[in-house]
Amino acid sequence: MSAPIEGKWIASFVEVLQRCGVRAGDACAVLSESQSRPVLVQLASLALHQIGARHFAVTVPTPPLTVAVPVRSTGASAVLNGQSAPVQALAQCALVVDCTVEGLQHAAELPQIFAGGARVLVISNEHPEILERCLPRAEDETEVRDAMRRLRSARRMQVSSVAGTDLSIDLDGARVGGVWGFTTKPGTLTHWPGGMVLAFPAAGRVKGTLMLDRGDVNLTFKRYLHDAVRLVIEDDHVVEVVGDSPDAELMRSQFDAWASGPGDRAAYAVSHVGWGLNRRARWDALSFYDKADFNGTELRAFAGNFLYSTGANEVAGRHTLGHFDLPLRACTVELDGQAVVRSGVLM
């Protein structure tokens, strides 16, 4: 059931769109699919109308499933499916408000949209109350940019925890990105909620142990862990999931489904690593929403989490729809020996 429109949510959308530099007369598109959350599409359109932008809608059918495994939270929407007409229309806009279910972050058509000079605001597929609580602020950009500079200048990331995480990441050749929830630069993408910094490591750069402790989150399953799970990582890939709890069995089942079904070993490999910077985002937010109303972007961004993700990594030349987003609490994250997060607290 779609949430009714609230005036305060229109105001939130207006504020974020204005932070993205949208002005009266700008050509803007709202991209959606048949399974998009209707209230987000409506809020985007109403906010653009209130600003006075020349906006239009691009709505495409949600594509058929291509694999028998549920696909969630990939950021690699396939709704455009190489269609030239909608891509050309989007590329001619100043801003594309992306209300697709998965988002265009890793979509194959994104470079073509950027080539026309468009910028993209991905609205995470959440209940609007979550977007309202995680409204980006101007000062968020400064903090994320500072974290990006530190990450770009570092050669090695070391992650540890009392629970048993001991992970080494060589940052040579990594691509660094950051999201603060708005963008004014042509050819860029941001998403709301924002507030995180990430590195996509080059191939063969990650090894060690990742210990998912009780209370850490498996966002692909939208589930807090009840029992600890240990991931053994060699040459970028999870080679063993250690544990006999349902949490461990669920992860093994999902990994194995990709390996035995689509034959996709890349699903075991690292996609990106980073940490959260958003002090308004909450680790406990998953407790308050039904799964259908919660995409979990907030939990990727809450301040002090270490985010480890498996799946697609263009820098390493790996492509897959298999994806785990795993925000860990209580980790220490060091760049060349200097802590940026200590025991889950931003330094």
Protein backbone atom coordinates (compact mmCIF):
# COMPACT_ATOMS: atom_id res chain seq x y z
CA MET A 1 0.00 0.00 0.00
CA SER A 2 1.44 3.34 -1.04
CA ALA A 3 1.93 6.00 1.61
CA PRO A 4 -0.24 9.11 1.22
CA ILE A 5 1.47 12.33 0.14
CA GLU A 6 2.64 14.56 2.99
CA GLY A 7 3.46 18.22 2.51
CA LYS A 8 6.60 17.85 4.64
CA TRP A 9 7.92 15.21 2.20
CA ILE A 10 7.36 17.51 -0.76
CA ALA A 11 9.36 20.14 1.14
CA SER A 12 12.18 17.62 1.72
CA PHE A 13 12.31 16.76 -1.98
CA VAL A 14 12.32 20.46 -2.91
CA GLU A 15 15.24 21.06 -0.55
CA VAL A 16 17.33 18.21 -1.95
CA LEU A 17 16.57 19.11 -5.57
CA GLN A 18 17.58 22.71 -4.90
CA ARG A 19 20.81 21.44 -3.33
CA CYS A 20 21.30 19.65 -6.65
CA GLY A 21 21.11 23.03 -8.35
CA VAL A 22 17.68 22.60 -9.96
CA ARG A 23 16.18 25.95 -10.92
CA ALA A 24 13.04 27.13 -12.67
CA GLY A 25 13.14 26.25 -16.36
CA ASP A 26 15.63 23.38 -16.02
CA ALA A 27 14.83 20.27 -18.05
CA CYS A 28 14.49 17.36 -15.60
CA ALA A 29 13.25 13.79 -15.88
CA VAL A 30 11.76 11.42 -13.33
CA LEU A 31 12.82 7.89 -14.24
CA SER A 32 10.70 5.05 -12.87
CA GLU A 33 9.63 1.51 -13.64
CA SER A 34 6.34 -0.32 -13.24
CA GLN A 35 7.40 -1.64 -9.82
CA SER A 36 8.68 1.70 -8.51
CA ARG A 37 7.33 3.02 -5.21
CA PRO A 38 4.51 5.34 -6.41
CA VAL A 39 4.85 7.87 -3.59
CA LEU A 40 8.50 8.58 -4.49
CA VAL A 41 7.62 9.21 -8.15
CA GLN A 42 4.80 11.53 -7.11
CA LEU A 43 6.95 13.43 -4.61
CA ALA A 44 9.70 13.95 -7.17
CA SER A 45 7.23 15.26 -9.76
CA LEU A 46 5.45 17.57 -7.29
CA ALA A 47 8.74 18.98 -6.03
CA LEU A 48 10.01 19.67 -9.56
CA HIS A 49 6.71 21.35 -10.36
CA GLN A 50 6.97 23.52 -7.26
CA ILE A 51 10.49 24.63 -8.25
CA GLY A 52 9.27 25.43 -11.75
CA ALA A 53 11.45 22.94 -13.61
CA ARG A 54 10.40 21.70 -17.05
CA HIS A 55 10.01 18.09 -16.06
CA PHE A 56 8.73 14.95 -17.72
CA ALA A 57 8.38 11.27 -16.80
CA VAL A 58 10.17 8.27 -18.28
CA THR A 59 8.46 5.08 -17.14
CA VAL A 60 9.54 1.66 -18.39
CA PRO A 61 8.33 -1.85 -17.55
CA THR A 62 10.19 -3.71 -14.83
CA PRO A 63 12.19 -6.30 -16.81
CA PRO A 64 11.61 -10.05 -16.49
CA LEU A 65 13.83 -12.07 -14.18
CA THR A 66 16.93 -13.49 -15.82
CA VAL A 67 18.05 -15.75 -12.94
CA ALA A 68 16.23 -17.90 -10.39
CA VAL A 69 18.01 -16.21 -7.46
CA PRO A 70 16.37 -13.17 -5.81
CA VAL A 71 18.34 -10.03 -6.72
CA ARG A 72 18.36 -7.21 -4.16
CA SER A 73 20.22 -3.95 -3.48
CA THR A 74 22.65 -4.15 -6.37
CA GLY A 75 22.48 -0.55 -7.57
CA ALA A 76 22.59 -2.00 -11.08
CA SER A 77 19.13 -1.45 -12.47
CA ALA A 78 18.48 -3.19 -15.78
CA VAL A 79 15.26 -1.32 -16.58
CA LEU A 80 16.74 0.68 -19.48
CA ASN A 81 18.01 -2.54 -21.06
CA GLY A 82 19.99 -0.79 -23.77
CA GLN A 83 16.98 1.14 -25.06
CA SER A 84 18.32 4.14 -26.95
CA ALA A 85 15.20 6.34 -26.89
CA PRO A 86 14.85 6.73 -23.10
CA VAL A 87 18.61 6.93 -22.66
CA GLN A 88 18.82 9.80 -25.18
CA ALA A 89 15.95 11.61 -23.46
CA LEU A 90 17.61 11.28 -20.06
CA ALA A 91 21.00 12.38 -21.38
CA GLN A 92 19.53 15.71 -22.53
CA CYS A 93 18.33 16.64 -19.03
CA ALA A 94 20.04 18.78 -16.44
CA LEU A 95 18.99 16.31 -13.74
CA VAL A 96 17.56 12.79 -13.74
CA VAL A 97 15.63 11.85 -10.59
CA ASP A 98 16.06 8.09 -10.48
CA CYS A 99 13.15 6.30 -8.78
CA THR A 100 13.92 2.82 -10.12
CA VAL A 101 13.89 -0.02 -7.60
CA GLU A 102 17.59 -0.88 -7.81
CA GLY A 103 19.04 2.47 -8.93
CA LEU A 104 21.39 3.39 -11.79
CA GLN A 105 24.65 3.40 -9.80
CA HIS A 106 26.15 0.52 -11.79
CA ALA A 107 23.75 0.47 -14.75
CA ALA A 108 25.34 -0.18 -18.15
CA GLU A 109 23.62 2.88 -19.64
CA LEU A 110 24.89 5.37 -17.06
CA PRO A 111 27.96 6.52 -19.08
CA GLN A 112 25.68 7.38 -22.02
CA ILE A 113 23.46 9.47 -19.74
CA PHE A 114 26.51 11.23 -18.33
CA ALA A 115 27.87 11.89 -21.83
CA GLY A 116 24.96 14.22 -22.49
CA GLY A 117 25.83 16.30 -19.43
CA ALA A 118 23.09 15.02 -17.13
CA ARG A 119 23.57 14.43 -13.43
CA VAL A 120 21.63 11.78 -11.52
CA LEU A 121 19.96 11.81 -8.11
CA VAL A 122 19.06 8.27 -7.04
CA ILE A 123 16.15 8.20 -4.60
CA SER A 124 16.67 5.09 -2.51
CA ASN A 125 13.65 2.80 -2.58
CA GLU A 126 12.59 3.63 0.99
CA HIS A 127 9.56 4.80 2.90
CA PRO A 128 9.64 8.63 2.61
CA GLU A 129 10.00 8.98 6.38
CA ILE A 130 13.49 7.51 6.09
CA LEU A 131 14.43 10.10 3.46
CA GLU A 132 12.98 12.83 5.69
CA ARG A 133 15.11 11.74 8.66
CA CYS A 134 18.26 11.45 6.54
CA LEU A 135 17.87 14.77 4.72
CA PRO A 136 21.33 15.81 3.46
CA ARG A 137 22.85 19.04 4.72
CA ALA A 138 25.32 21.39 3.10
CA GLU A 139 28.08 20.52 5.58
CA ASP A 140 27.89 16.82 4.66
CA GLU A 141 29.77 17.53 1.43
CA THR A 142 32.80 18.89 3.28
CA GLU A 143 33.10 15.85 5.53
CA VAL A 144 32.74 13.32 2.71
CA ARG A 145 35.18 15.17 0.46
CA ASP A 146 37.74 15.21 3.27
CA ALA A 147 37.34 11.45 3.75
CA MET A 148 37.75 10.94 -0.01
CA ARG A 149 41.01 12.91 -0.01
CA ARG A 150 42.38 10.81 2.84
CA LEU A 151 41.35 7.57 1.14
CA ARG A 152 42.85 8.60 -2.22
CA SER A 153 46.19 9.45 -0.63
CA ALA A 154 46.43 6.20 1.33
CA ARG A 155 48.24 3.07 0.16
CA ARG A 156 46.71 0.54 2.55
CA MET A 157 43.54 0.07 4.58
CA GLN A 158 43.65 -2.20 7.62
CA VAL A 159 40.42 -3.21 9.38
CA SER A 160 40.29 -4.94 12.75
CA SER A 161 37.87 -5.62 15.58
CA VAL A 162 37.73 -7.28 18.98
CA ALA A 163 35.27 -9.76 17.42
CA GLY A 164 38.04 -11.04 15.13
CA THR A 165 38.08 -9.02 11.90
CA ASP A 166 41.58 -8.76 10.46
CA LEU A 167 41.40 -7.49 6.91
CA SER A 168 44.12 -6.04 4.69
CA ILE A 169 43.29 -3.97 1.60
CA ASP A 170 45.91 -2.72 -0.84
CA LEU A 171 44.56 0.57 -2.24
CA ASP A 172 46.95 0.77 -5.19
CA GLY A 173 44.78 1.22 -8.28
CA ALA A 174 41.55 1.56 -6.31
CA ARG A 175 38.81 3.92 -7.44
CA VAL A 176 37.51 6.16 -4.66
CA GLY A 177 34.03 7.62 -4.46
CA GLY A 178 31.91 9.45 -1.93
CA VAL A 179 28.24 10.29 -1.57
CA TRP A 180 26.77 13.15 0.44
CA GLY A 181 23.23 13.10 -0.96
CA PHE A 182 23.26 15.86 -3.59
CA THR A 183 25.28 16.88 -6.64
CA THR A 184 25.51 19.94 -8.88
CA LYS A 185 28.22 18.67 -11.25
CA PRO A 186 27.25 17.38 -14.72
CA GLY A 187 28.17 13.76 -15.30
CA THR A 188 27.94 12.70 -11.64
CA LEU A 189 25.59 10.56 -9.57
CA THR A 190 24.57 10.76 -5.93
CA HIS A 191 21.99 8.99 -3.82
CA TRP A 192 19.72 9.97 -0.95
CA PRO A 193 20.30 8.96 1.86
CA GLY A 194 24.02 9.68 1.55
CA GLY A 195 27.03 10.06 3.81
CA MET A 196 29.69 7.47 2.99
CA VAL A 197 33.09 7.04 1.37
CA LEU A 198 34.06 3.96 -0.64
CA ALA A 199 36.97 2.38 -2.47
CA PHE A 200 36.62 -0.15 -5.28
CA PRO A 201 39.89 -2.13 -5.03
CA ALA A 202 41.77 -3.35 -8.07
CA ALA A 203 41.98 -7.10 -8.59
CA GLY A 204 43.90 -9.21 -6.08
CA ARG A 205 44.13 -6.55 -3.37
CA VAL A 206 41.99 -7.91 -0.49
CA LYS A 207 42.72 -10.72 1.99
CA GLY A 208 42.08 -11.67 5.59
CA THR A 209 39.16 -12.39 7.89
CA LEU A 210 35.85 -10.55 8.17
CA MET A 211 33.99 -11.37 11.38
CA LEU A 212 30.31 -10.49 11.25
CA ASP A 213 29.31 -10.19 14.90
CA ARG A 214 25.88 -10.38 16.49
CA GLY A 215 23.99 -7.17 15.70
CA ASP A 216 25.89 -6.54 12.47
CA VAL A 217 23.68 -6.37 9.41
CA ASN A 218 23.23 -8.39 6.26
CA LEU A 219 21.43 -5.78 4.17
CA THR A 220 20.77 -8.10 1.26
CA PHE A 221 18.59 -10.12 3.63
CA LYS A 222 17.55 -6.99 5.63
CA ARG A 223 18.46 -8.90 8.75
CA TYR A 224 20.46 -8.31 11.94
CA LEU A 225 22.75 -11.23 12.69
CA HIS A 226 21.76 -13.35 15.68
CA ASP A 227 25.04 -15.30 15.60
CA ALA A 228 28.56 -14.52 14.49
CA VAL A 229 29.69 -15.52 10.98
CA ARG A 230 33.31 -15.60 9.87
CA LEU A 231 34.25 -14.97 6.24
CA VAL A 232 37.68 -16.11 5.09
CA ILE A 233 38.88 -13.97 2.17
CA GLU A 234 41.70 -14.88 -0.19
CA ASP A 235 42.63 -13.06 -3.40
CA ASP A 236 39.49 -10.87 -3.10
CA HIS A 237 37.11 -13.84 -2.81
CA VAL A 238 35.21 -15.32 0.09
CA VAL A 239 36.57 -18.87 0.17
CA GLU A 240 34.82 -20.02 3.36
CA VAL A 241 31.74 -19.05 5.35
CA VAL A 242 32.35 -20.34 8.87
CA GLY A 243 29.42 -20.99 11.20
CA ASP A 244 26.54 -23.39 11.74
CA SER A 245 23.80 -20.85 12.51
CA PRO A 246 20.93 -19.88 10.18
CA ASP A 247 22.85 -16.63 9.47
CA ALA A 248 25.80 -18.59 8.09
CA GLU A 249 23.61 -21.08 6.27
CA LEU A 250 21.67 -18.29 4.55
CA MET A 251 24.89 -16.70 3.31
CA ARG A 252 26.26 -20.01 2.05
CA SER A 253 22.98 -20.69 0.29
CA GLN A 254 23.04 -17.33 -1.50
CA PHE A 255 26.69 -17.60 -2.50
CA ASP A 256 26.24 -21.19 -3.70
CA ALA A 257 23.15 -20.26 -5.70
CA TRP A 258 25.23 -17.89 -7.81
CA ALA A 259 28.10 -20.33 -8.15
CA SER A 260 25.97 -23.34 -9.10
CA GLY A 261 23.20 -21.50 -10.96
CA PRO A 262 24.56 -18.64 -13.09
CA GLY A 263 28.10 -20.04 -12.58
CA ASP A 264 29.18 -16.70 -11.20
CA ARG A 265 32.31 -16.83 -9.03
CA ALA A 266 32.45 -13.02 -9.04
CA ALA A 267 29.57 -13.02 -6.54
CA TYR A 268 32.12 -14.18 -3.92
CA ALA A 269 34.49 -11.28 -4.64
CA VAL A 270 34.83 -7.85 -3.09
CA SER A 271 32.87 -5.02 -4.65
CA HIS A 272 33.76 -2.08 -2.42
CA VAL A 273 34.94 -1.17 1.07
CA GLY A 274 34.52 2.03 3.07
CA TRP A 275 32.97 3.64 6.08
CA GLY A 276 29.86 5.61 7.06
CA LEU A 277 29.86 9.32 7.90
CA ASN A 278 26.17 10.14 8.42
CA ARG A 279 25.49 10.96 12.07
CA ARG A 280 21.74 11.24 11.41
CA ALA A 281 21.54 7.71 10.01
CA ARG A 282 20.73 5.00 12.54
CA TRP A 283 22.02 1.46 12.94
CA ASP A 284 18.77 0.41 14.63
CA ALA A 285 16.46 1.78 11.90
CA LEU A 286 15.73 -1.66 10.43
CA SER A 287 13.79 -2.46 13.63
CA PHE A 288 11.14 0.16 12.84
CA TYR A 289 10.10 -0.65 9.27
CA ASP A 290 8.61 -3.52 7.33
CA LYS A 291 11.03 -5.06 4.85
CA ALA A 292 9.00 -3.75 1.92
CA ASP A 293 9.44 -0.17 3.19
CA PHE A 294 13.17 -0.42 3.78
CA ASN A 295 16.03 -0.55 1.27
CA GLY A 296 18.77 -0.08 3.86
CA THR A 297 20.81 2.76 2.38
CA GLU A 298 20.67 4.43 5.79
CA LEU A 299 22.47 1.47 7.36
CA ARG A 300 25.20 1.66 4.74
CA ALA A 301 25.85 5.24 5.83
CA PHE A 302 25.51 5.33 9.62
CA ALA A 303 28.52 7.00 11.22
CA GLY A 304 31.42 4.73 12.10
CA ASN A 305 30.31 1.56 10.34
CA PHE A 306 32.76 -0.37 8.18
CA LEU A 307 30.99 -1.40 4.98
CA TYR A 308 32.19 -4.51 3.17
CA SER A 309 30.37 -5.43 -0.02
CA THR A 310 30.65 -8.34 -2.42
CA GLY A 311 29.63 -8.33 -6.07
CA ALA A 312 30.22 -6.17 -9.14
CA ASN A 313 33.49 -4.25 -9.27
CA GLU A 314 34.25 -2.50 -12.55
CA VAL A 315 37.78 -1.61 -11.45
CA ALA A 316 38.63 -5.29 -11.00
CA GLY A 317 36.77 -6.23 -14.19
CA ARG A 318 34.12 -8.29 -12.42
CA HIS A 319 30.40 -8.18 -13.22
CA THR A 320 27.64 -9.99 -11.35
CA LEU A 321 24.13 -9.48 -9.97
CA GLY A 322 25.08 -11.30 -6.77
CA HIS A 323 25.60 -8.75 -4.01
CA PHE A 324 26.01 -8.54 -0.24
CA ASP A 325 26.19 -5.24 1.65
CA LEU A 326 27.55 -5.88 5.14
CA PRO A 327 27.82 -2.90 7.55
CA LEU A 328 29.90 -3.87 10.59
CA ARG A 329 29.94 -2.09 13.92
CA ALA A 330 32.82 -1.73 16.40
CA CYS A 331 35.58 -1.96 13.79
CA THR A 332 38.79 0.05 13.67
CA VAL A 333 39.63 1.31 10.18
CA GLU A 334 43.19 2.52 9.59
CA LEU A 335 44.70 4.22 6.55
CA ASP A 336 48.47 3.75 6.47
CA GLY A 337 48.37 3.16 10.23
CA GLN A 338 46.22 6.17 11.11
CA ALA A 339 42.74 5.45 12.44
CA VAL A 340 39.79 7.13 10.73
CA VAL A 341 37.34 4.96 12.70
CA ARG A 342 38.21 3.47 16.09
CA SER A 343 36.01 0.75 17.56
CA GLY A 344 33.07 2.02 15.53
CA VAL A 345 33.54 5.71 16.38
CA LEU A 346 34.53 8.31 13.78
CA MET A 347 37.85 9.95 14.59
